[in-house]
C-alpha atoms as a PDB file:
ATOM      1  CA  MET A   1      24.126 -74.882 149.062  1.00  0.00           C
ATOM      2  CA  THR A   2      22.322 -71.865 147.597  1.00  0.00           C
ATOM      3  CA  GLU A   3      18.711 -70.956 148.264  1.00  0.00           C
ATOM      4  CA  LYS A   4      17.854 -72.013 144.700  1.00  0.00           C
ATOM      5  CA  ASP A   5      19.517 -75.386 145.204  1.00  0.00           C
ATOM      6  CA  CYS A   6      17.562 -75.903 148.409  1.00  0.00           C
ATOM      7  CA  MET A   7      14.362 -75.112 146.496  1.00  0.00           C
ATOM      8  CA  ILE A   8      15.243 -77.738 143.867  1.00  0.00           C
ATOM      9  CA  ILE A   9      15.922 -80.318 146.582  1.00  0.00           C
ATOM     10  CA  GLU A  10      12.522 -79.563 148.113  1.00  0.00           C
ATOM     11  CA  GLN A  11      10.879 -79.947 144.688  1.00  0.00           C
ATOM     12  CA  TYR A  12      12.642 -83.308 144.363  1.00  0.00           C
ATOM     13  CA  ARG A  13      11.265 -84.502 147.700  1.00  0.00           C
ATOM     14  CA  ASN A  14       7.738 -83.450 146.773  1.00  0.00           C
ATOM     15  CA  SER A  15       7.991 -85.125 143.353  1.00  0.00           C
ATOM     16  CA  LYS A  16       9.738 -88.361 144.269  1.00  0.00           C
ATOM     17  CA  ALA A  17       6.518 -90.376 144.540  1.00  0.00           C
ATOM     18  CA  ASP A  18       5.523 -89.212 141.051  1.00  0.00           C
ATOM     19  CA  PHE A  19       8.911 -90.272 139.691  1.00  0.00           C
ATOM     20  CA  GLU A  20       8.490 -93.692 141.322  1.00  0.00           C
ATOM     21  CA  ASN A  21       5.150 -94.121 139.550  1.00  0.00           C
ATOM     22  CA  LEU A  22       6.669 -92.854 136.318  1.00  0.00           C
ATOM     23  CA  GLU A  23       9.501 -95.348 136.673  1.00  0.00           C
ATOM     24  CA  LYS A  24       7.075 -98.298 136.722  1.00  0.00           C
ATOM     25  CA  ILE A  25       5.244 -97.003 133.655  1.00  0.00           C
ATOM     26  CA  VAL A  26       8.404 -96.311 131.648  1.00  0.00           C
ATOM     27  CA  VAL A  27       9.983 -99.696 132.419  1.00  0.00           C
ATOM     28  CA  SER A  28       6.753-101.439 131.424  1.00  0.00           C
ATOM     29  CA  ILE A  29       6.643 -99.545 128.117  1.00  0.00           C
ATOM     30  CA  LEU A  30      10.311-100.330 127.423  1.00  0.00           C
ATOM     31  CA  ASN A  31       9.700-104.041 128.039  1.00  0.00           C
ATOM     32  CA  ASN A  32       6.718-103.946 125.680  1.00  0.00           C
ATOM     33  CA  ILE A  33       8.809-102.189 123.027  1.00  0.00           C
ATOM     34  CA  ALA A  34      11.521-104.863 123.222  1.00  0.00           C
ATOM     35  CA  ASN A  35       8.945-107.668 123.021  1.00  0.00           C
ATOM     36  CA  THR A  36       7.148-106.044 120.093  1.00  0.00           C
ATOM     37  CA  CYS A  37      10.443-105.630 118.218  1.00  0.00           C
ATOM     38  CA  GLY A  38      11.398-109.236 118.931  1.00  0.00           C
ATOM     39  CA  ILE A  39      14.567-108.041 120.629  1.00  0.00           C
ATOM     40  CA  ARG A  40      15.820-110.060 123.597  1.00  0.00           C
ATOM     41  CA  VAL A  41      17.381-107.484 125.880  1.00  0.00           C
ATOM     42  CA  TYR A  42      20.065-108.351 128.413  1.00  0.00           C
ATOM     43  CA  ASN A  43      18.567-106.000 130.962  1.00  0.00           C
ATOM     44  CA  ILE A  44      16.670-102.762 131.471  1.00  0.00           C
ATOM     45  CA  ASN A  45      18.483-100.862 134.201  1.00  0.00           C
ATOM     46  CA  HIS A  46      16.580 -98.098 135.915  1.00  0.00           C
ATOM     47  CA  ARG A  47      16.992 -95.848 138.909  1.00  0.00           C
ATOM     48  CA  ILE A  48      15.721 -92.653 140.486  1.00  0.00           C
ATOM     49  CA  LYS A  49      18.555 -90.325 141.403  1.00  0.00           C
ATOM     50  CA  GLU A  50      19.293 -90.303 145.116  1.00  0.00           C
ATOM     51  CA  GLU A  51      18.969 -87.013 146.959  1.00  0.00           C
ATOM     52  CA  SER A  52      22.675 -87.054 147.815  1.00  0.00           C
ATOM     53  CA  SER A  53      23.530 -87.526 144.128  1.00  0.00           C
ATOM     54  CA  LEU A  54      21.257 -84.646 143.168  1.00  0.00           C
ATOM     55  CA  ALA A  55      22.872 -82.435 145.804  1.00  0.00           C
ATOM     56  CA  GLY A  56      26.290 -83.259 144.392  1.00  0.00           C
ATOM     57  CA  LYS A  57      25.115 -82.426 140.881  1.00  0.00           C
ATOM     58  CA  LEU A  58      23.744 -79.074 142.057  1.00  0.00           C
ATOM     59  CA  GLU A  59      27.011 -78.318 143.787  1.00  0.00           C
ATOM     60  CA  ARG A  60      28.938 -78.998 140.573  1.00  0.00           C
ATOM     61  CA  LYS A  61      26.533 -77.581 137.990  1.00  0.00           C
ATOM     62  CA  GLY A  62      23.920 -75.635 139.944  1.00  0.00           C
ATOM     63  CA  ASP A  63      24.204 -72.576 137.712  1.00  0.00           C
ATOM     64  CA  LYS A  64      22.623 -74.546 134.842  1.00  0.00           C
ATOM     65  CA  TYR A  65      19.329 -75.212 136.633  1.00  0.00           C
ATOM     66  CA  THR A  66      16.533 -72.915 137.781  1.00  0.00           C
ATOM     67  CA  SER A  67      14.123 -75.673 138.882  1.00  0.00           C
ATOM     68  CA  LEU A  68      13.812 -79.450 139.072  1.00  0.00           C
ATOM     69  CA  ASP A  69      12.193 -79.468 135.619  1.00  0.00           C
ATOM     70  CA  ASP A  70      15.554 -78.468 134.122  1.00  0.00           C
ATOM     71  CA  ILE A  71      17.171 -81.695 135.335  1.00  0.00           C
ATOM     72  CA  THR A  72      16.418 -84.453 132.839  1.00  0.00           C
ATOM     73  CA  ASP A  73      17.907 -87.509 134.535  1.00  0.00           C
ATOM     74  CA  ILE A  74      16.057 -87.715 137.856  1.00  0.00           C
ATOM     75  CA  LEU A  75      14.697 -90.924 136.352  1.00  0.00           C
ATOM     76  CA  GLY A  76      17.281 -92.741 134.273  1.00  0.00           C
ATOM     77  CA  THR A  77      16.903 -95.965 132.311  1.00  0.00           C
ATOM     78  CA  ARG A  78      19.298 -97.987 130.184  1.00  0.00           C
ATOM     79  CA  VAL A  79      18.152-100.645 127.721  1.00  0.00           C
ATOM     80  CA  ILE A  80      20.985-103.117 127.125  1.00  0.00           C
ATOM     81  CA  CYS A  81      20.578-105.308 124.045  1.00  0.00           C
ATOM     82  CA  TYR A  82      22.893-108.034 122.857  1.00  0.00           C
ATOM     83  CA  PHE A  83      23.710-106.626 119.427  1.00  0.00           C
ATOM     84  CA  SER A  84      24.733-103.117 118.401  1.00  0.00           C
ATOM     85  CA  ASP A  85      22.500-102.990 115.308  1.00  0.00           C
ATOM     86  CA  GLU A  86      19.442-103.501 117.522  1.00  0.00           C
ATOM     87  CA  VAL A  87      19.996-100.086 119.117  1.00  0.00           C
ATOM     88  CA  ASP A  88      18.566 -98.313 116.058  1.00  0.00           C
ATOM     89  CA  THR A  89      15.499-100.556 116.079  1.00  0.00           C
ATOM     90  CA  LEU A  90      14.874 -99.761 119.729  1.00  0.00           C
ATOM     91  CA  ALA A  91      15.484 -96.053 119.151  1.00  0.00           C
ATOM     92  CA  ALA A  92      12.885 -95.906 116.371  1.00  0.00           C
ATOM     93  CA  GLN A  93      10.257 -97.518 118.590  1.00  0.00           C
ATOM     94  CA  ILE A  94      11.099 -95.305 121.550  1.00  0.00           C
ATOM     95  CA  GLU A  95      10.594 -92.274 119.298  1.00  0.00           C
ATOM     96  CA  HIS A  96       7.173 -93.690 118.445  1.00  0.00           C
ATOM     97  CA  ASN A  97       6.128 -94.474 122.020  1.00  0.00           C
ATOM     98  CA  PHE A  98       7.458 -91.394 123.822  1.00  0.00           C
ATOM     99  CA  ASP A  99       7.810 -87.691 123.138  1.00  0.00           C
ATOM    100  CA  VAL A 100      11.528 -87.064 122.581  1.00  0.00           C
ATOM    101  CA  ASP A 101      13.200 -83.768 123.475  1.00  0.00           C
ATOM    102  CA  TRP A 102      15.578 -83.562 120.511  1.00  0.00           C
ATOM    103  CA  ASP A 103      17.395 -80.501 121.867  1.00  0.00           C
ATOM    104  CA  GLU A 104      18.498 -82.479 124.919  1.00  0.00           C
ATOM    105  CA  SER A 105      18.989 -85.904 123.280  1.00  0.00           C
ATOM    106  CA  ILE A 106      22.241 -87.167 121.764  1.00  0.00           C
ATOM    107  CA  ASP A 107      23.503 -90.034 119.656  1.00  0.00           C
ATOM    108  CA  LYS A 108      27.097 -90.338 120.854  1.00  0.00           C
ATOM    109  CA  ARG A 109      27.954 -92.556 117.878  1.00  0.00           C
ATOM    110  CA  LYS A 110      27.760 -89.481 115.624  1.00  0.00           C
ATOM    111  CA  TYR A 111      30.123 -87.328 117.658  1.00  0.00           C
ATOM    112  CA  LEU A 112      33.019 -89.641 118.435  1.00  0.00           C
ATOM    113  CA  GLU A 113      36.186 -88.689 116.587  1.00  0.00           C
ATOM    114  CA  VAL A 114      37.246 -91.168 113.912  1.00  0.00           C
ATOM    115  CA  ASN A 115      40.596 -91.721 115.615  1.00  0.00           C
ATOM    116  CA  THR A 116      39.160 -92.435 119.076  1.00  0.00           C
ATOM    117  CA  PHE A 117      37.012 -95.032 120.767  1.00  0.00           C
ATOM    118  CA  GLY A 118      34.413 -94.711 123.469  1.00  0.00           C
ATOM    119  CA  TYR A 119      30.897 -95.278 124.705  1.00  0.00           C
ATOM    120  CA  LEU A 120      28.728 -95.379 121.564  1.00  0.00           C
ATOM    121  CA  SER A 121      25.329 -95.122 123.221  1.00  0.00           C
ATOM    122  CA  VAL A 122      22.158 -93.308 122.239  1.00  0.00           C
ATOM    123  CA  HIS A 123      20.698 -91.014 124.909  1.00  0.00           C
ATOM    124  CA  TYR A 124      17.120 -89.773 124.555  1.00  0.00           C
ATOM    125  CA  ILE A 125      15.418 -87.348 126.889  1.00  0.00           C
ATOM    126  CA  CYS A 126      11.782 -88.340 126.833  1.00  0.00           C
ATOM    127  CA  SER A 127       8.399 -87.737 128.361  1.00  0.00           C
ATOM    128  CA  LEU A 128       5.128 -89.620 128.215  1.00  0.00           C
ATOM    129  CA  LYS A 129       2.962 -88.869 125.199  1.00  0.00           C
ATOM    130  CA  LYS A 130       0.893 -85.729 125.712  1.00  0.00           C
ATOM    131  CA  ASN A 131      -2.196 -87.464 124.276  1.00  0.00           C
ATOM    132  CA  SER A 132      -1.846 -90.494 126.562  1.00  0.00           C
ATOM    133  CA  ASP A 133      -4.179 -91.280 129.455  1.00  0.00           C
ATOM    134  CA  TYR A 134      -1.508 -90.968 132.141  1.00  0.00           C
ATOM    135  CA  PRO A 135      -1.861 -88.318 134.882  1.00  0.00           C
ATOM    136  CA  GLU A 136      -0.769 -84.809 133.926  1.00  0.00           C
ATOM    137  CA  SER A 137       1.638 -84.780 136.875  1.00  0.00           C
ATOM    138  CA  LEU A 138       3.585 -87.591 135.156  1.00  0.00           C
ATOM    139  CA  LYS A 139       3.343 -86.375 131.555  1.00  0.00           C
ATOM    140  CA  ASN A 140       5.241 -83.163 132.294  1.00  0.00           C
ATOM    141  CA  LYS A 141       8.234 -84.967 133.799  1.00  0.00           C
ATOM    142  CA  ARG A 142      11.204 -85.802 131.602  1.00  0.00           C
ATOM    143  CA  PHE A 143      13.406 -88.867 131.948  1.00  0.00           C
ATOM    144  CA  GLU A 144      16.479 -90.322 130.280  1.00  0.00           C
ATOM    145  CA  VAL A 145      16.528 -93.453 128.131  1.00  0.00           C
ATOM    146  CA  GLN A 146      19.930 -94.820 127.150  1.00  0.00           C
ATOM    147  CA  MET A 147      20.233 -97.565 124.539  1.00  0.00           C
ATOM    148  CA  CYS A 148      23.400 -99.565 124.082  1.00  0.00           C
ATOM    149  CA  SER A 149      24.771-102.993 123.279  1.00  0.00           C
ATOM    150  CA  MET A 150      26.255-105.382 125.816  1.00  0.00           C
ATOM    151  CA  MET A 151      29.797-104.392 124.829  1.00  0.00           C
ATOM    152  CA  GLN A 152      28.959-100.698 125.072  1.00  0.00           C
ATOM    153  CA  HIS A 153      27.469-101.319 128.508  1.00  0.00           C
ATOM    154  CA  ILE A 154      30.682-103.037 129.626  1.00  0.00           C
ATOM    155  CA  TRP A 155      32.678-100.034 128.452  1.00  0.00           C
ATOM    156  CA  ALA A 156      30.389 -97.572 130.242  1.00  0.00           C
ATOM    157  CA  THR A 157      30.515 -99.570 133.464  1.00  0.00           C
ATOM    158  CA  MET A 158      34.303 -99.844 133.426  1.00  0.00           C
ATOM    159  CA  GLU A 159      34.645 -96.192 132.498  1.00  0.00           C
ATOM    160  CA  HIS A 160      32.449 -95.213 135.440  1.00  0.00           C
ATOM    161  CA  ASP A 161      34.089 -97.555 137.960  1.00  0.00           C
ATOM    162  CA  LEU A 162      37.592 -96.501 136.996  1.00  0.00           C
ATOM    163  CA  GLY A 163      36.675 -92.839 137.327  1.00  0.00           C
ATOM    164  CA  TYR A 164      37.889 -92.131 133.817  1.00  0.00           C
ATOM    165  CA  LYS A 165      35.322 -89.388 133.241  1.00  0.00           C
ATOM    166  CA  THR A 166      36.541 -87.268 136.122  1.00  0.00           C
ATOM    167  CA  LYS A 167      39.015 -84.450 135.734  1.00  0.00           C
ATOM    168  CA  TYR A 168      41.610 -86.490 137.584  1.00  0.00           C
ATOM    169  CA  GLY A 169      40.830 -89.765 135.844  1.00  0.00           C
ATOM    170  CA  ILE A 170      43.051 -92.751 135.236  1.00  0.00           C
ATOM    171  CA  PRO A 171      46.798 -92.086 134.877  1.00  0.00           C
ATOM    172  CA  THR A 172      48.132 -91.060 131.479  1.00  0.00           C
ATOM    173  CA  ALA A 173      50.287 -94.191 131.353  1.00  0.00           C
ATOM    174  CA  VAL A 174      47.148 -96.329 131.514  1.00  0.00           C
ATOM    175  CA  ARG A 175      45.097 -94.405 128.968  1.00  0.00           C
ATOM    176  CA  ARG A 176      46.622 -96.156 125.975  1.00  0.00           C
ATOM    177  CA  ASP A 177      45.536 -99.565 127.265  1.00  0.00           C
ATOM    178  CA  PHE A 178      42.148 -98.129 128.149  1.00  0.00           C
ATOM    179  CA  PHE A 179      41.575 -96.893 124.610  1.00  0.00           C
ATOM    180  CA  ARG A 180      42.892-100.120 123.120  1.00  0.00           C
ATOM    181  CA  LEU A 181      40.320-101.980 125.226  1.00  0.00           C
ATOM    182  CA  ALA A 182      37.587 -99.692 123.908  1.00  0.00           C
ATOM    183  CA  GLY A 183      38.658-100.503 120.351  1.00  0.00           C
ATOM    184  CA  LEU A 184      38.560-104.224 121.074  1.00  0.00           C
ATOM    185  CA  LEU A 185      35.056-103.969 122.503  1.00  0.00           C
ATOM    186  CA  GLU A 186      33.909-102.085 119.414  1.00  0.00           C
ATOM    187  CA  ILE A 187      35.388-104.784 117.170  1.00  0.00           C
ATOM    188  CA  ALA A 188      33.749-107.459 119.344  1.00  0.00           C
ATOM    189  CA  ASP A 189      30.410-105.686 118.896  1.00  0.00           C
ATOM    190  CA  GLU A 190      30.745-105.880 115.118  1.00  0.00           C
ATOM    191  CA  HIS A 191      31.818-109.520 115.159  1.00  0.00           C
ATOM    192  CA  PHE A 192      28.939-110.609 117.398  1.00  0.00           C
ATOM    193  CA  VAL A 193      26.553-109.135 114.828  1.00  0.00           C
ATOM    194  CA  ARG A 194      28.359-111.012 112.037  1.00  0.00           C
ATOM    195  CA  ILE A 195      28.254-114.260 114.000  1.00  0.00           C
ATOM    196  CA  ARG A 196      24.530-113.845 114.664  1.00  0.00           C
ATOM    197  CA  ASP A 197      23.891-113.181 110.974  1.00  0.00           C
ATOM    198  CA  SER A 198      26.069-116.141 109.959  1.00  0.00           C
ATOM    199  CA  VAL A 199      24.157-118.464 112.282  1.00  0.00           C
ATOM    200  CA  ALA A 200      20.856-117.136 110.918  1.00  0.00           C
ATOM    201  CA  GLN A 201      21.985-117.754 107.333  1.00  0.00           C
ATOM    202  CA  TYR A 202      23.326-121.209 108.240  1.00  0.00           C
ATOM    203  CA  THR A 203      20.004-122.082 109.873  1.00  0.00           C
ATOM    204  CA  LYS A 204      18.157-120.915 106.764  1.00  0.00           C
ATOM    205  CA  ASP A 205      20.402-123.006 104.480  1.00  0.00           C
ATOM    206  CA  VAL A 206      20.084-126.114 106.658  1.00  0.00           C
ATOM    207  CA  HIS A 207      16.310-125.689 106.837  1.00  0.00           C
ATOM    208  CA  LYS A 208      16.066-125.518 103.044  1.00  0.00           C
ATOM    209  CA  LYS A 209      18.193-128.639 102.547  1.00  0.00           C
ATOM    210  CA  ILE A 210      16.185-130.621 105.088  1.00  0.00           C
ATOM    211  CA  ILE A 211      12.903-129.611 103.461  1.00  0.00           C
ATOM    212  CA  ASN A 212      14.331-130.691 100.076  1.00  0.00           C
ATOM    213  CA  ASP A 213      15.615-133.973 101.565  1.00  0.00           C
ATOM    214  CA  ASP A 214      19.173-133.007 100.640  1.00  0.00           C
ATOM    215  CA  ALA A 215      20.804-132.781 104.068  1.00  0.00           C
ATOM    216  CA  LYS A 216      22.649-136.070 104.461  1.00  0.00           C
ATOM    217  CA  ASP A 217      26.112-134.453 104.381  1.00  0.00           C
ATOM    218  CA  ILE A 218      25.329-131.729 106.943  1.00  0.00           C
ATOM    219  CA  LEU A 219      27.276-132.160 110.162  1.00  0.00           C
ATOM    220  CA  ILE A 220      25.251-132.657 113.319  1.00  0.00           C
ATOM    221  CA  ASP A 221      25.290-129.633 115.621  1.00  0.00           C
ATOM    222  CA  SER A 222      22.711-127.862 117.763  1.00  0.00           C
ATOM    223  CA  VAL A 223      21.267-125.967 114.788  1.00  0.00           C
ATOM    224  CA  SER A 224      21.150-128.813 112.282  1.00  0.00           C
ATOM    225  CA  LEU A 225      19.794-131.315 114.806  1.00  0.00           C
ATOM    226  CA  GLU A 226      16.993-128.975 115.889  1.00  0.00           C
ATOM    227  CA  GLU A 227      16.059-128.234 112.277  1.00  0.00           C
ATOM    228  CA  TYR A 228      16.096-131.949 111.465  1.00  0.00           C
ATOM    229  CA  MET A 229      13.851-132.849 114.402  1.00  0.00           C
ATOM    230  CA  ALA A 230      11.404-130.080 113.532  1.00  0.00           C
ATOM    231  CA  ASN A 231      11.332-130.296 109.738  1.00  0.00           C
ATOM    232  CA  SER A 232      12.510-133.676 108.436  1.00  0.00           C
ATOM    233  CA  LYS A 233       9.584-135.463 106.809  1.00  0.00           C
ATOM    234  CA  ASN A 234      10.920-138.825 107.968  1.00  0.00           C
ATOM    235  CA  MET A 235      11.430-137.704 111.559  1.00  0.00           C
ATOM    236  CA  ARG A 236       8.035-136.030 111.730  1.00  0.00           C
ATOM    237  CA  SER A 237       6.424-139.212 110.420  1.00  0.00           C
ATOM    238  CA  PHE A 238       8.322-141.248 113.019  1.00  0.00           C
ATOM    239  CA  LEU A 239       7.181-138.909 115.788  1.00  0.00           C
ATOM    240  CA  GLN A 240       3.595-139.101 114.549  1.00  0.00           C
ATOM    241  CA  THR A 241       3.772-142.894 114.759  1.00  0.00           C
ATOM    242  CA  ILE A 242       5.075-142.630 118.336  1.00  0.00           C
ATOM    243  CA  GLY A 243       2.211-140.286 119.206  1.00  0.00           C
ATOM    244  CA  ASN A 244      -0.330-142.711 117.739  1.00  0.00           C
ATOM    245  CA  ILE A 245       1.124-145.675 119.634  1.00  0.00           C
ATOM    246  CA  CYS A 246       1.091-143.813 122.958  1.00  0.00           C
ATOM    247  CA  GLU A 247      -2.087-141.840 122.196  1.00  0.00           C
ATOM    248  CA  ALA A 248      -0.157-138.760 123.250  1.00  0.00           C
ATOM    249  CA  GLU A 249       0.596-135.308 121.906  1.00  0.00           C
ATOM    250  CA  ILE A 250       4.188-134.715 120.792  1.00  0.00           C
ATOM    251  CA  ALA A 251       5.589-131.446 122.184  1.00  0.00           C
ATOM    252  CA  PHE A 252       8.711-130.113 120.524  1.00  0.00           C
ATOM    253  CA  GLN A 253      11.735-129.784 122.801  1.00  0.00           C
ATOM    254  CA  SER A 254      15.281-128.791 121.924  1.00  0.00           C
ATOM    255  CA  PRO A 255      17.326-131.932 121.167  1.00  0.00           C
ATOM    256  CA  GLU A 256      20.619-130.273 122.131  1.00  0.00           C
ATOM    257  CA  ASN A 257      21.110-132.572 125.137  1.00  0.00           C
ATOM    258  CA  TYR A 258      21.413-135.525 122.740  1.00  0.00           C
ATOM    259  CA  LEU A 259      24.480-134.168 120.954  1.00  0.00           C
ATOM    260  CA  PRO A 260      26.909-136.008 123.306  1.00  0.00           C
ATOM    261  CA  GLN A 261      24.997-139.279 122.862  1.00  0.00           C
ATOM    262  CA  LEU A 262      25.071-139.017 119.076  1.00  0.00           C
ATOM    263  CA  GLU A 263      28.757-138.192 119.185  1.00  0.00           C
ATOM    264  CA  TRP A 264      29.387-141.251 121.373  1.00  0.00           C
ATOM    265  CA  LEU A 265      27.581-143.382 118.797  1.00  0.00           C
ATOM    266  CA  LYS A 266      29.782-141.809 116.090  1.00  0.00           C
ATOM    267  CA  LYS A 267      26.849-140.193 114.290  1.00  0.00           C
ATOM    268  CA  LYS A 268      28.496-137.227 112.594  1.00  0.00           C
ATOM    269  CA  THR A 269      26.045-136.168 109.886  1.00  0.00           C
ATOM    270  CA  LEU A 270      22.307-135.941 109.421  1.00  0.00           C
ATOM    271  CA  GLY A 271      22.715-138.757 106.932  1.00  0.00           C
ATOM    272  CA  ASP A 272      24.092-140.922 109.759  1.00  0.00           C
ATOM    273  CA  LEU A 273      21.083-140.025 111.889  1.00  0.00           C
ATOM    274  CA  GLN A 274      18.706-140.803 109.041  1.00  0.00           C
ATOM    275  CA  GLN A 275      20.378-144.170 108.506  1.00  0.00           C
ATOM    276  CA  MET A 276      20.117-144.929 112.228  1.00  0.00           C
ATOM    277  CA  MET A 277      16.390-144.224 112.069  1.00  0.00           C
ATOM    278  CA  GLU A 278      15.914-146.458 109.036  1.00  0.00           C
ATOM    279  CA  ASN A 279      17.849-149.297 110.664  1.00  0.00           C
ATOM    280  CA  ASN A 280      16.382-149.037 114.159  1.00  0.00           C
ATOM    281  CA  SER A 281      12.881-147.561 113.903  1.00  0.00           C
ATOM    282  CA  SER A 282      11.075-150.918 114.153  1.00  0.00           C
ATOM    283  CA  LEU A 283      12.943-151.945 117.316  1.00  0.00           C
ATOM    284  CA  ALA A 284      12.620-148.439 118.769  1.00  0.00           C
ATOM    285  CA  LEU A 285       8.844-148.518 118.237  1.00  0.00           C
ATOM    286  CA  ARG A 286       8.554-151.923 119.927  1.00  0.00           C
ATOM    287  CA  MET A 287      10.513-150.587 122.890  1.00  0.00           C
ATOM    288  CA  ILE A 288       8.306-147.495 123.056  1.00  0.00           C
ATOM    289  CA  GLU A 289       5.143-149.594 122.898  1.00  0.00           C
ATOM    290  CA  LYS A 290       6.345-151.790 125.742  1.00  0.00           C
ATOM    291  CA  LYS A 291       7.651-148.987 127.954  1.00  0.00           C
ATOM    292  CA  LEU A 292       5.526-145.927 127.232  1.00  0.00           C
ATOM    293  CA  ALA A 293       2.222-146.996 125.695  1.00  0.00           C
ATOM    294  CA  VAL A 294       1.085-148.433 129.021  1.00  0.00           C
ATOM    295  CA  ALA A 295       2.063-145.291 130.924  1.00  0.00           C
ATOM    296  CA  GLU A 296      -0.960-143.320 129.660  1.00  0.00           C
ATOM    297  CA  LEU A 297       1.007-140.119 129.097  1.00  0.00           C
ATOM    298  CA  ASP A 298      -0.843-137.210 127.521  1.00  0.00           C
ATOM    299  CA  ILE A 299       2.260-135.393 126.276  1.00  0.00           C
ATOM    300  CA  LEU A 300       5.608-136.721 125.084  1.00  0.00           C
ATOM    301  CA  SER A 301       8.735-134.730 124.323  1.00  0.00           C
ATOM    302  CA  SER A 302       9.932-134.920 120.719  1.00  0.00           C
ATOM    303  CA  THR A 303      13.299-136.071 122.055  1.00  0.00           C
ATOM    304  CA  VAL A 304      11.680-139.431 122.857  1.00  0.00           C
ATOM    305  CA  ALA A 305      12.499-140.362 119.258  1.00  0.00           C
ATOM    306  CA  LEU A 306      16.228-139.812 119.766  1.00  0.00           C
ATOM    307  CA  ARG A 307      16.192-141.563 123.107  1.00  0.00           C
ATOM    308  CA  PHE A 308      14.772-144.827 121.790  1.00  0.00           C
ATOM    309  CA  LEU A 309      16.622-144.699 118.479  1.00  0.00           C
ATOM    310  CA  CYS A 310      19.888-144.436 120.401  1.00  0.00           C
ATOM    311  CA  HIS A 311      18.908-147.273 122.717  1.00  0.00           C
ATOM    312  CA  ALA A 312      17.893-149.425 119.756  1.00  0.00           C
ATOM    313  CA  GLU A 313      21.272-148.680 118.169  1.00  0.00           C
ATOM    314  CA  LEU A 314      23.029-149.964 121.295  1.00  0.00           C
ATOM    315  CA  ILE A 315      21.135-153.237 121.008  1.00  0.00           C
ATOM    316  CA  LYS A 316      21.346-153.706 117.234  1.00  0.00           C
ATOM    317  CA  ARG A 317      25.090-152.984 117.265  1.00  0.00           C
ATOM    318  CA  HIS A 318      25.602-155.559 120.050  1.00  0.00           C
ATOM    319  CA  TYR A 319      27.286-153.195 122.487  1.00  0.00           C
ATOM    320  CA  PRO A 320      28.295-154.999 125.710  1.00  0.00           C
ATOM    321  CA  LYS A 321      26.800-153.997 129.029  1.00  0.00           C
ATOM    322  CA  GLU A 322      29.886-152.017 130.080  1.00  0.00           C
ATOM    323  CA  GLN A 323      29.672-149.780 127.042  1.00  0.00           C
ATOM    324  CA  ILE A 324      25.918-149.380 127.346  1.00  0.00           C
ATOM    325  CA  VAL A 325      26.446-148.212 130.932  1.00  0.00           C
ATOM    326  CA  GLU A 326      29.101-145.787 129.704  1.00  0.00           C
ATOM    327  CA  PHE A 327      26.655-144.409 127.170  1.00  0.00           C
ATOM    328  CA  LEU A 328      23.829-144.092 129.708  1.00  0.00           C
ATOM    329  CA  MET A 329      26.123-142.301 132.156  1.00  0.00           C
ATOM    330  CA  ILE A 330      26.321-139.377 129.737  1.00  0.00           C
ATOM    331  CA  SER A 331      22.880-138.328 130.929  1.00  0.00           C
ATOM    332  CA  MET A 332      22.070-140.401 134.004  1.00  0.00           C
ATOM    333  CA  LYS A 333      25.189-139.806 136.133  1.00  0.00           C
ATOM    334  CA  ASP A 334      23.956-142.476 138.596  1.00  0.00           C
ATOM    335  CA  LYS A 335      25.934-145.627 137.795  1.00  0.00           C
ATOM    336  CA  GLU A 336      23.672-148.059 139.645  1.00  0.00           C
ATOM    337  CA  ARG A 337      20.643-146.735 137.805  1.00  0.00           C
ATOM    338  CA  ALA A 338      22.545-146.909 134.508  1.00  0.00           C
ATOM    339  CA  GLU A 339      23.475-150.546 135.178  1.00  0.00           C
ATOM    340  CA  ARG A 340      19.850-151.463 135.907  1.00  0.00           C
ATOM    341  CA  TYR A 341      18.717-149.689 132.753  1.00  0.00           C
ATOM    342  CA  ALA A 342      21.421-151.434 130.712  1.00  0.00           C
ATOM    343  CA  GLU A 343      20.219-154.809 131.949  1.00  0.00           C
ATOM    344  CA  ASN A 344      16.665-153.955 130.865  1.00  0.00           C
ATOM    345  CA  LEU A 345      17.914-152.886 127.442  1.00  0.00           C
ATOM    346  CA  LEU A 346      19.772-156.124 126.971  1.00  0.00           C
ATOM    347  CA  LYS A 347      16.541-158.018 127.570  1.00  0.00           C
ATOM    348  CA  HIS A 348      15.285-156.590 124.277  1.00  0.00           C
ATOM    349  CA  LYS A 349      18.295-158.198 122.619  1.00  0.00           C
ATOM    350  CA  GLU A 350      17.286-161.554 124.032  1.00  0.00           C
ATOM    351  CA  ALA A 351      13.615-161.119 123.070  1.00  0.00           C
END
């Protein structure tokens, strides 16, 4: 190791505590950026380069550096989001929240040949804003921020672990499969965005139909059931009645767990669910009054409506005890408890 390299290593040792403080600040800012953008990130990876890694870098590329300040990735971060089109949103906010060294930064998406595939990340070399209140010792230190999608992260991880970037990387015979995999990941990235947008549009369409009371033919799924529970005038009125009976606040909770129960009862559309409510609401409310009104609960989950409507359906449709137990076992799992509950339900039939 040259005298200059030894000097850089010594600078690293003296500055490591500053980089550790900088790391906490940068990660906090990146989390705030993601939250402000409404982007749910998979992870924010971060690390300070180990001394042994720095020594190896100096051995390979020492001629490039005259001091530690020339090395821009002592602190490295990677923001991994779920969708590729969110990278640009993150990048714009990072430009706003940090000072970006444009001479050192790169958007690899712009430089990949059209007939090849690879790691389409955005790499920014940043520093804290000069007009910020952070210590001067931190504001003059640069760090790397990578932004990529989940699929791009998978590619980068595999590329690194397989040693593909090295001069003596994976064998030529394997390269074709490696590049085909990269192409598949890129296609997957695009399709995940399309699926997300399709679900968003479907949710919007379902919401509109429910608001307009024109949703009877919509199939029951996690999206349509949640929209129905939250926005159907009839369901909201039913829940309000339950709240009044129990003198409790109704807190919205995802009804997704009731999809198997509704399927068991052969309720396929929102129209079927609406009909079940019209047929069974009176019995369901009597059951709620008997079981819950005396419990003095302050808060009830919105799924209480589905629970008692389903149980009322079992009684009104004259299901035998064995089938009621089968239905209850979807969620209870404990057969003895399900049998006791079934017996209590059947008492409502006799009442």
